[in-house]
Amino acid sequence: MMSKKAFIVANATTITTKRLREEIGQELGLSVESMAGVKSLVKSLALEFLAPAQAEEAGSKAAPRTKKAAQNVSSEITALKRVLKLATIRIPPRVFVINKHKEESLRVALESLLEKHGLSVSSSRKRINKVKKRLEVERDMEGIDVSNVIAGGRRQ
């Protein structure tokens, strides 16, 4: 096991948790399928073990970023996104790109998007459904060529 530890420390910056699981499975004589049940345990232990090794190698004390850290958004933003989704209002990707590290400006951008459609975070379900229906009709009408519509009444 010590040779594996040396291997892992030597490759701390490039080794993946999948590769680490495979190494542990080989060391213990287990198949890859049997190791699938302990993915989260191996990942947490790997991050615990690899963070100091990577920090020493990089010369800093910072731990590696994980997806969980990037997904830590406030409940306000989550509520805004929920209302936007319920109303089928599309959020342009540029909103997230522009406000990547600015939580307050992201909140303001999402609120302005809601206000554009006459909604707020505290809008009722009835109001949200009304906006949803209006947007669906608008999207359906986008593909219709109005130049082919005949003006006037019914022929007799």
N, C-alpha and C. Protein backbone atom coordinates (compact mmCIF):
# COMPACT_ATOMS: atom_id res chain seq x y z
N MET A 1 0.82 -1.19 0.00
CA MET A 1 0.00 0.00 0.00
C MET A 1 0.87 1.26 0.00
N MET A 2 2.08 1.16 0.53
CA MET A 2 2.95 2.33 0.57
C MET A 2 3.39 2.73 -0.83
N SER A 3 3.58 1.76 -1.73
CA SER A 3 3.96 2.10 -3.10
C SER A 3 2.81 2.84 -3.80
N LYS A 4 1.58 2.43 -3.48
CA LYS A 4 0.41 3.12 -4.04
C LYS A 4 0.32 4.54 -3.52
N LYS A 5 0.65 4.71 -2.23
CA LYS A 5 0.62 6.05 -1.64
C LYS A 5 1.64 6.95 -2.32
N ALA A 6 2.82 6.42 -2.57
CA ALA A 6 3.85 7.19 -3.26
C ALA A 6 3.40 7.53 -4.68
N PHE A 7 2.74 6.57 -5.35
CA PHE A 7 2.22 6.80 -6.69
C PHE A 7 1.18 7.93 -6.68
N ILE A 8 0.27 7.86 -5.70
CA ILE A 8 -0.81 8.84 -5.61
C ILE A 8 -0.24 10.23 -5.31
N VAL A 9 0.70 10.31 -4.38
CA VAL A 9 1.29 11.60 -4.04
C VAL A 9 2.06 12.17 -5.22
N ALA A 10 2.77 11.31 -5.94
CA ALA A 10 3.55 11.77 -7.09
C ALA A 10 2.64 12.30 -8.20
N ASN A 11 1.45 11.72 -8.33
CA ASN A 11 0.52 12.13 -9.38
C ASN A 11 -0.68 12.89 -8.83
N ALA A 12 -0.49 13.58 -7.72
CA ALA A 12 -1.60 14.24 -7.03
C ALA A 12 -2.32 15.27 -7.91
N THR A 13 -1.60 15.92 -8.80
CA THR A 13 -2.24 16.96 -9.61
C THR A 13 -2.97 16.40 -10.82
N THR A 14 -2.66 15.17 -11.22
CA THR A 14 -3.27 14.64 -12.43
C THR A 14 -4.19 13.44 -12.21
N ILE A 15 -4.13 12.83 -11.03
CA ILE A 15 -4.93 11.63 -10.80
C ILE A 15 -6.41 11.99 -10.58
N THR A 16 -7.28 11.17 -11.12
CA THR A 16 -8.72 11.39 -10.96
C THR A 16 -9.24 10.44 -9.89
N THR A 17 -10.45 10.74 -9.39
CA THR A 17 -11.03 9.87 -8.38
C THR A 17 -11.35 8.50 -8.96
N LYS A 18 -11.69 8.46 -10.25
CA LYS A 18 -11.96 7.17 -10.90
C LYS A 18 -10.69 6.32 -10.90
N ARG A 19 -9.59 6.93 -11.27
CA ARG A 19 -8.31 6.21 -11.29
C ARG A 19 -7.92 5.77 -9.88
N LEU A 20 -8.21 6.62 -8.91
CA LEU A 20 -7.91 6.30 -7.52
C LEU A 20 -8.74 5.10 -7.05
N ARG A 21 -10.02 5.07 -7.43
CA ARG A 21 -10.87 3.92 -7.09
C ARG A 21 -10.32 2.65 -7.72
N GLU A 22 -9.88 2.74 -8.96
CA GLU A 22 -9.31 1.57 -9.64
C GLU A 22 -8.06 1.08 -8.92
N GLU A 23 -7.21 2.01 -8.50
CA GLU A 23 -5.99 1.64 -7.79
C GLU A 23 -6.31 0.95 -6.47
N ILE A 24 -7.26 1.51 -5.72
CA ILE A 24 -7.64 0.92 -4.44
C ILE A 24 -8.26 -0.46 -4.67
N GLY A 25 -9.11 -0.57 -5.69
CA GLY A 25 -9.73 -1.86 -6.01
C GLY A 25 -8.71 -2.91 -6.37
N GLN A 26 -7.69 -2.55 -7.14
CA GLN A 26 -6.64 -3.49 -7.49
C GLN A 26 -5.86 -3.92 -6.26
N GLU A 27 -5.56 -2.95 -5.39
CA GLU A 27 -4.81 -3.24 -4.17
C GLU A 27 -5.57 -4.21 -3.26
N LEU A 28 -6.91 -4.03 -3.20
CA LEU A 28 -7.73 -4.89 -2.34
C LEU A 28 -8.24 -6.13 -3.05
N GLY A 29 -7.98 -6.24 -4.35
CA GLY A 29 -8.43 -7.40 -5.12
C GLY A 29 -9.91 -7.38 -5.43
N LEU A 30 -10.50 -6.19 -5.55
CA LEU A 30 -11.94 -6.05 -5.84
C LEU A 30 -12.14 -5.62 -7.27
N SER A 31 -13.32 -5.94 -7.81
CA SER A 31 -13.63 -5.53 -9.17
C SER A 31 -14.11 -4.08 -9.17
N VAL A 32 -14.11 -3.48 -10.35
CA VAL A 32 -14.56 -2.09 -10.51
C VAL A 32 -16.03 -1.97 -10.13
N GLU A 33 -16.83 -2.96 -10.47
CA GLU A 33 -18.27 -2.93 -10.17
C GLU A 33 -18.52 -2.93 -8.66
N SER A 34 -17.74 -3.69 -7.92
CA SER A 34 -17.94 -3.74 -6.47
C SER A 34 -17.48 -2.45 -5.80
N MET A 35 -16.62 -1.70 -6.45
CA MET A 35 -16.14 -0.42 -5.90
C MET A 35 -17.12 0.72 -6.19
N ALA A 36 -18.10 0.49 -7.06
CA ALA A 36 -19.04 1.55 -7.44
C ALA A 36 -19.87 2.03 -6.26
N GLY A 37 -20.12 1.18 -5.31
CA GLY A 37 -20.94 1.56 -4.16
C GLY A 37 -20.23 2.49 -3.18
N VAL A 38 -18.93 2.62 -3.31
CA VAL A 38 -18.18 3.46 -2.37
C VAL A 38 -17.57 4.68 -3.06
N LYS A 39 -18.19 5.10 -4.15
CA LYS A 39 -17.66 6.25 -4.89
C LYS A 39 -17.54 7.49 -4.02
N SER A 40 -18.62 7.82 -3.32
CA SER A 40 -18.62 9.07 -2.54
C SER A 40 -17.60 9.01 -1.41
N LEU A 41 -17.43 7.85 -0.79
CA LEU A 41 -16.45 7.70 0.29
C LEU A 41 -15.04 7.89 -0.26
N VAL A 42 -14.74 7.24 -1.37
CA VAL A 42 -13.42 7.35 -1.97
C VAL A 42 -13.16 8.79 -2.40
N LYS A 43 -14.17 9.46 -2.95
CA LYS A 43 -13.99 10.84 -3.39
C LYS A 43 -13.69 11.76 -2.21
N SER A 44 -14.45 11.63 -1.13
CA SER A 44 -14.21 12.49 0.03
C SER A 44 -12.83 12.23 0.64
N LEU A 45 -12.45 10.96 0.73
CA LEU A 45 -11.12 10.63 1.26
C LEU A 45 -10.02 11.12 0.32
N ALA A 46 -10.26 11.00 -0.97
CA ALA A 46 -9.27 11.46 -1.95
C ALA A 46 -9.06 12.96 -1.84
N LEU A 47 -10.15 13.70 -1.73
CA LEU A 47 -10.03 15.15 -1.61
C LEU A 47 -9.30 15.52 -0.32
N GLU A 48 -9.60 14.81 0.75
CA GLU A 48 -8.93 15.04 2.02
C GLU A 48 -7.44 14.76 1.90
N PHE A 49 -7.11 13.67 1.23
CA PHE A 49 -5.73 13.23 1.10
C PHE A 49 -4.96 14.06 0.08
N LEU A 50 -5.60 14.35 -1.05
CA LEU A 50 -4.91 15.02 -2.15
C LEU A 50 -4.79 16.53 -1.95
N ALA A 51 -5.69 17.15 -1.20
CA ALA A 51 -5.64 18.61 -1.03
C ALA A 51 -4.33 19.08 -0.44
N PRO A 52 -3.83 18.45 0.65
CA PRO A 52 -2.54 18.90 1.18
C PRO A 52 -1.39 18.63 0.20
N ALA A 53 -1.46 17.52 -0.50
CA ALA A 53 -0.39 17.20 -1.45
C ALA A 53 -0.36 18.22 -2.59
N GLN A 54 -1.53 18.60 -3.08
CA GLN A 54 -1.59 19.59 -4.15
C GLN A 54 -1.18 20.96 -3.64
N ALA A 55 -1.56 21.29 -2.42
CA ALA A 55 -1.20 22.58 -1.85
C ALA A 55 0.31 22.70 -1.67
N GLU A 56 0.93 21.62 -1.20
CA GLU A 56 2.39 21.62 -1.04
C GLU A 56 3.07 21.77 -2.39
N GLU A 57 2.57 21.05 -3.37
CA GLU A 57 3.17 21.09 -4.70
C GLU A 57 3.00 22.46 -5.36
N ALA A 58 1.84 23.09 -5.14
CA ALA A 58 1.58 24.39 -5.74
C ALA A 58 2.19 25.51 -4.92
N GLY A 59 2.58 25.20 -3.67
CA GLY A 59 3.18 26.23 -2.84
C GLY A 59 2.15 27.12 -2.16
N SER A 60 0.91 26.68 -2.13
CA SER A 60 -0.14 27.45 -1.47
C SER A 60 -0.95 26.54 -0.56
N LYS A 61 -1.82 27.12 0.24
CA LYS A 61 -2.64 26.36 1.17
C LYS A 61 -4.07 26.18 0.67
N ALA A 62 -4.36 26.59 -0.56
CA ALA A 62 -5.72 26.51 -1.10
C ALA A 62 -6.08 25.08 -1.46
N ALA A 63 -7.30 24.70 -1.14
CA ALA A 63 -7.81 23.37 -1.49
C ALA A 63 -8.36 23.42 -2.91
N PRO A 64 -8.41 22.29 -3.61
CA PRO A 64 -8.94 22.30 -4.97
C PRO A 64 -10.43 22.61 -4.97
N ARG A 65 -10.89 23.29 -6.01
CA ARG A 65 -12.31 23.63 -6.13
C ARG A 65 -13.10 22.40 -6.54
N THR A 66 -14.28 22.30 -6.01
CA THR A 66 -15.17 21.21 -6.39
C THR A 66 -16.43 21.80 -6.97
N LYS A 67 -17.25 20.97 -7.58
CA LYS A 67 -18.50 21.44 -8.16
C LYS A 67 -19.44 21.98 -7.10
N LYS A 68 -19.40 21.40 -5.90
CA LYS A 68 -20.27 21.85 -4.82
C LYS A 68 -20.00 23.30 -4.47
N ALA A 69 -18.73 23.71 -4.46
CA ALA A 69 -18.40 25.08 -4.12
C ALA A 69 -18.95 26.04 -5.16
N ALA A 70 -18.95 25.64 -6.41
CA ALA A 70 -19.47 26.50 -7.48
C ALA A 70 -20.99 26.58 -7.43
N GLN A 71 -21.64 25.58 -6.87
CA GLN A 71 -23.09 25.55 -6.85
C GLN A 71 -23.68 26.19 -5.59
N ASN A 72 -22.85 26.81 -4.77
CA ASN A 72 -23.33 27.40 -3.53
C ASN A 72 -23.96 28.76 -3.85
N VAL A 73 -25.24 28.76 -4.17
CA VAL A 73 -25.95 30.00 -4.50
C VAL A 73 -26.96 30.30 -3.39
N SER A 74 -27.30 31.56 -3.30
CA SER A 74 -28.22 31.96 -2.25
C SER A 74 -29.63 31.47 -2.52
N SER A 75 -30.43 31.46 -1.47
CA SER A 75 -31.81 31.01 -1.61
C SER A 75 -32.63 32.01 -2.44
N GLU A 76 -32.23 33.30 -2.42
CA GLU A 76 -32.93 34.30 -3.24
C GLU A 76 -32.80 33.98 -4.72
N ILE A 77 -31.59 33.67 -5.14
CA ILE A 77 -31.35 33.36 -6.56
C ILE A 77 -32.08 32.08 -6.94
N THR A 78 -32.06 31.10 -6.05
CA THR A 78 -32.78 29.85 -6.30
C THR A 78 -34.27 30.11 -6.46
N ALA A 79 -34.83 30.97 -5.62
CA ALA A 79 -36.26 31.31 -5.71
C ALA A 79 -36.57 32.03 -7.02
N LEU A 80 -35.70 32.95 -7.42
CA LEU A 80 -35.89 33.67 -8.68
C LEU A 80 -35.86 32.71 -9.86
N LYS A 81 -34.89 31.79 -9.86
CA LYS A 81 -34.78 30.82 -10.95
C LYS A 81 -35.99 29.90 -10.99
N ARG A 82 -36.54 29.57 -9.81
CA ARG A 82 -37.72 28.71 -9.75
C ARG A 82 -38.93 29.41 -10.38
N VAL A 83 -39.13 30.70 -10.07
CA VAL A 83 -40.26 31.44 -10.65
C VAL A 83 -40.07 31.58 -12.16
N LEU A 84 -38.85 31.86 -12.59
CA LEU A 84 -38.58 31.97 -14.03
C LEU A 84 -38.88 30.65 -14.74
N LYS A 85 -38.52 29.55 -14.12
CA LYS A 85 -38.76 28.24 -14.72
C LYS A 85 -40.25 27.93 -14.78
N LEU A 86 -40.96 28.24 -13.70
CA LEU A 86 -42.40 27.99 -13.68
C LEU A 86 -43.13 28.78 -14.77
N ALA A 87 -42.65 29.99 -15.01
CA ALA A 87 -43.28 30.84 -16.02
C ALA A 87 -42.73 30.58 -17.42
N THR A 88 -41.87 29.62 -17.58
CA THR A 88 -41.18 29.26 -18.83
C THR A 88 -40.45 30.45 -19.45
N ILE A 89 -39.91 31.31 -18.60
CA ILE A 89 -39.10 32.44 -19.08
C ILE A 89 -37.68 31.92 -19.24
N ARG A 90 -37.16 32.08 -20.42
CA ARG A 90 -35.80 31.59 -20.71
C ARG A 90 -34.77 32.58 -20.19
N ILE A 91 -33.78 32.05 -19.48
CA ILE A 91 -32.70 32.88 -18.96
C ILE A 91 -31.54 32.80 -19.95
N PRO A 92 -31.17 33.93 -20.56
CA PRO A 92 -30.05 33.90 -21.50
C PRO A 92 -28.75 33.50 -20.79
N PRO A 93 -27.93 32.66 -21.41
CA PRO A 93 -26.69 32.22 -20.78
C PRO A 93 -25.74 33.37 -20.45
N ARG A 94 -25.84 34.45 -21.20
CA ARG A 94 -24.94 35.58 -20.95
C ARG A 94 -25.16 36.20 -19.58
N VAL A 95 -26.38 36.04 -19.02
CA VAL A 95 -26.67 36.56 -17.69
C VAL A 95 -25.74 35.91 -16.67
N PHE A 96 -25.54 34.60 -16.80
CA PHE A 96 -24.66 33.89 -15.88
C PHE A 96 -23.19 34.18 -16.17
N VAL A 97 -22.85 34.34 -17.44
CA VAL A 97 -21.45 34.61 -17.81
C VAL A 97 -21.03 35.98 -17.30
N ILE A 98 -21.88 36.98 -17.51
CA ILE A 98 -21.55 38.35 -17.10
C ILE A 98 -21.46 38.45 -15.57
N ASN A 99 -22.34 37.78 -14.88
CA ASN A 99 -22.43 37.88 -13.42
C ASN A 99 -21.87 36.64 -12.73
N LYS A 100 -20.81 36.08 -13.27
CA LYS A 100 -20.27 34.81 -12.79
C LYS A 100 -19.91 34.83 -11.31
N HIS A 101 -19.21 35.86 -10.87
CA HIS A 101 -18.76 35.91 -9.48
C HIS A 101 -19.44 37.01 -8.69
N LYS A 102 -20.49 37.60 -9.26
CA LYS A 102 -21.18 38.70 -8.61
C LYS A 102 -22.61 38.28 -8.29
N GLU A 103 -22.80 37.75 -7.10
CA GLU A 103 -24.10 37.22 -6.73
C GLU A 103 -25.18 38.31 -6.70
N GLU A 104 -24.83 39.49 -6.22
CA GLU A 104 -25.81 40.58 -6.12
C GLU A 104 -26.26 41.03 -7.51
N SER A 105 -25.33 41.18 -8.43
CA SER A 105 -25.71 41.61 -9.78
C SER A 105 -26.49 40.53 -10.51
N LEU A 106 -26.22 39.26 -10.22
CA LEU A 106 -27.00 38.16 -10.80
C LEU A 106 -28.44 38.23 -10.29
N ARG A 107 -28.59 38.49 -9.00
CA ARG A 107 -29.93 38.62 -8.42
C ARG A 107 -30.69 39.76 -9.08
N VAL A 108 -30.02 40.90 -9.27
CA VAL A 108 -30.65 42.06 -9.90
C VAL A 108 -31.04 41.74 -11.35
N ALA A 109 -30.17 41.04 -12.07
CA ALA A 109 -30.45 40.68 -13.47
C ALA A 109 -31.65 39.75 -13.57
N LEU A 110 -31.74 38.77 -12.67
CA LEU A 110 -32.87 37.84 -12.69
C LEU A 110 -34.17 38.55 -12.29
N GLU A 111 -34.09 39.47 -11.33
CA GLU A 111 -35.27 40.24 -10.93
C GLU A 111 -35.76 41.12 -12.08
N SER A 112 -34.83 41.74 -12.81
CA SER A 112 -35.24 42.58 -13.93
C SER A 112 -35.88 41.75 -15.04
N LEU A 113 -35.42 40.53 -15.22
CA LEU A 113 -36.02 39.63 -16.20
C LEU A 113 -37.45 39.29 -15.80
N LEU A 114 -37.67 39.07 -14.51
CA LEU A 114 -39.03 38.82 -14.03
C LEU A 114 -39.91 40.05 -14.20
N GLU A 115 -39.38 41.23 -13.85
CA GLU A 115 -40.14 42.48 -13.96
C GLU A 115 -40.52 42.78 -15.41
N LYS A 116 -39.65 42.41 -16.33
CA LYS A 116 -39.92 42.61 -17.75
C LYS A 116 -41.22 41.91 -18.16
N HIS A 117 -41.50 40.79 -17.50
CA HIS A 117 -42.71 40.02 -17.80
C HIS A 117 -43.82 40.27 -16.79
N GLY A 118 -43.63 41.25 -15.90
CA GLY A 118 -44.66 41.61 -14.94
C GLY A 118 -44.76 40.67 -13.75
N LEU A 119 -43.66 40.04 -13.38
CA LEU A 119 -43.66 39.11 -12.25
C LEU A 119 -42.67 39.56 -11.18
N SER A 120 -42.77 38.96 -10.02
CA SER A 120 -41.79 39.13 -8.95
C SER A 120 -41.64 37.80 -8.24
N VAL A 121 -40.76 37.75 -7.25
CA VAL A 121 -40.53 36.50 -6.53
C VAL A 121 -41.80 36.07 -5.80
N SER A 122 -42.57 37.04 -5.35
CA SER A 122 -43.76 36.73 -4.57
C SER A 122 -45.04 36.66 -5.42
N SER A 123 -44.89 36.53 -6.73
CA SER A 123 -46.06 36.43 -7.60
C SER A 123 -46.86 35.18 -7.30
N SER A 124 -48.18 35.30 -7.46
CA SER A 124 -49.05 34.16 -7.21
C SER A 124 -48.93 33.14 -8.34
N ARG A 125 -49.34 31.94 -8.06
CA ARG A 125 -49.32 30.85 -9.04
C ARG A 125 -50.21 31.22 -10.23
N LYS A 126 -51.33 31.89 -9.95
CA LYS A 126 -52.26 32.30 -10.99
C LYS A 126 -51.60 33.28 -11.95
N ARG A 127 -50.88 34.27 -11.40
CA ARG A 127 -50.19 35.27 -12.22
C ARG A 127 -49.07 34.61 -13.04
N ILE A 128 -48.35 33.69 -12.44
CA ILE A 128 -47.27 32.98 -13.13
C ILE A 128 -47.84 32.19 -14.30
N ASN A 129 -48.95 31.48 -14.08
CA ASN A 129 -49.57 30.70 -15.15
C ASN A 129 -50.08 31.58 -16.28
N LYS A 130 -50.57 32.79 -15.93
CA LYS A 130 -51.04 33.73 -16.95
C LYS A 130 -49.88 34.15 -17.87
N VAL A 131 -48.75 34.46 -17.26
CA VAL A 131 -47.56 34.84 -18.04
C VAL A 131 -47.08 33.65 -18.86
N LYS A 132 -47.13 32.47 -18.29
CA LYS A 132 -46.71 31.26 -19.00
C LYS A 132 -47.54 31.05 -20.26
N LYS A 133 -48.85 31.18 -20.15
CA LYS A 133 -49.74 31.01 -21.31
C LYS A 133 -49.46 32.08 -22.37
N ARG A 134 -49.25 33.33 -21.91
CA ARG A 134 -48.97 34.42 -22.86
C ARG A 134 -47.68 34.14 -23.62
N LEU A 135 -46.65 33.66 -22.93
CA LEU A 135 -45.38 33.36 -23.58
C LEU A 135 -45.52 32.19 -24.55
N GLU A 136 -46.31 31.19 -24.19
CA GLU A 136 -46.52 30.06 -25.10
C GLU A 136 -47.19 30.51 -26.38
N VAL A 137 -48.19 31.40 -26.27
CA VAL A 137 -48.88 31.93 -27.45
C VAL A 137 -47.90 32.73 -28.30
N GLU A 138 -47.08 33.57 -27.65
CA GLU A 138 -46.08 34.37 -28.38
C GLU A 138 -45.11 33.46 -29.14
N ARG A 139 -44.66 32.39 -28.47
CA ARG A 139 -43.71 31.47 -29.12
C ARG A 139 -44.37 30.72 -30.28
N ASP A 140 -45.65 30.39 -30.14
CA ASP A 140 -46.38 29.73 -31.23
C ASP A 140 -46.55 30.68 -32.41
N MET A 141 -46.79 31.94 -32.13
CA MET A 141 -47.03 32.93 -33.18
C MET A 141 -45.75 33.34 -33.90
N GLU A 142 -44.58 33.09 -33.30
CA GLU A 142 -43.31 33.45 -33.93
C GLU A 142 -43.14 32.79 -35.29
N GLY A 143 -43.57 31.56 -35.43
CA GLY A 143 -43.36 30.82 -36.66
C GLY A 143 -44.42 31.05 -37.72
N ILE A 144 -45.44 31.85 -37.40
CA ILE A 144 -46.54 32.06 -38.35
C ILE A 144 -46.24 33.28 -39.21
N ASP A 145 -46.43 33.12 -40.52
CA ASP A 145 -46.24 34.22 -41.47
C ASP A 145 -47.58 34.94 -41.61
N VAL A 146 -47.66 36.16 -41.07
CA VAL A 146 -48.93 36.89 -41.08
C VAL A 146 -49.29 37.47 -42.45
N SER A 147 -48.36 37.44 -43.40
CA SER A 147 -48.67 37.97 -44.73
C SER A 147 -49.64 37.06 -45.47
N ASN A 148 -49.78 35.83 -45.03
CA ASN A 148 -50.70 34.88 -45.69
C ASN A 148 -52.10 34.93 -45.11
N VAL A 149 -52.31 35.75 -44.09
CA VAL A 149 -53.61 35.85 -43.46
C VAL A 149 -54.50 36.73 -44.32
N ILE A 150 -55.71 36.25 -44.62
CA ILE A 150 -56.65 37.01 -45.45
C ILE A 150 -57.44 37.93 -44.56
N ALA A 151 -57.45 39.19 -44.92
CA ALA A 151 -58.19 40.17 -44.15
C ALA A 151 -59.64 40.19 -44.63
N GLY A 152 -60.54 40.47 -43.74
CA GLY A 152 -61.94 40.54 -44.13
C GLY A 152 -62.74 39.45 -43.50
N GLY A 153 -64.05 39.46 -43.78
CA GLY A 153 -64.97 38.51 -43.19
C GLY A 153 -65.02 37.19 -43.94
N ARG A 154 -65.97 36.38 -43.57
CA ARG A 154 -66.16 35.09 -44.20
C ARG A 154 -66.77 35.23 -45.57
N ARG A 155 -66.41 34.34 -46.46
CA ARG A 155 -67.02 34.32 -47.79
C ARG A 155 -68.39 33.66 -47.71
N GLN A 156 -69.30 34.13 -48.53
CA GLN A 156 -70.64 33.55 -48.51
C GLN A 156 -71.02 32.92 -49.81
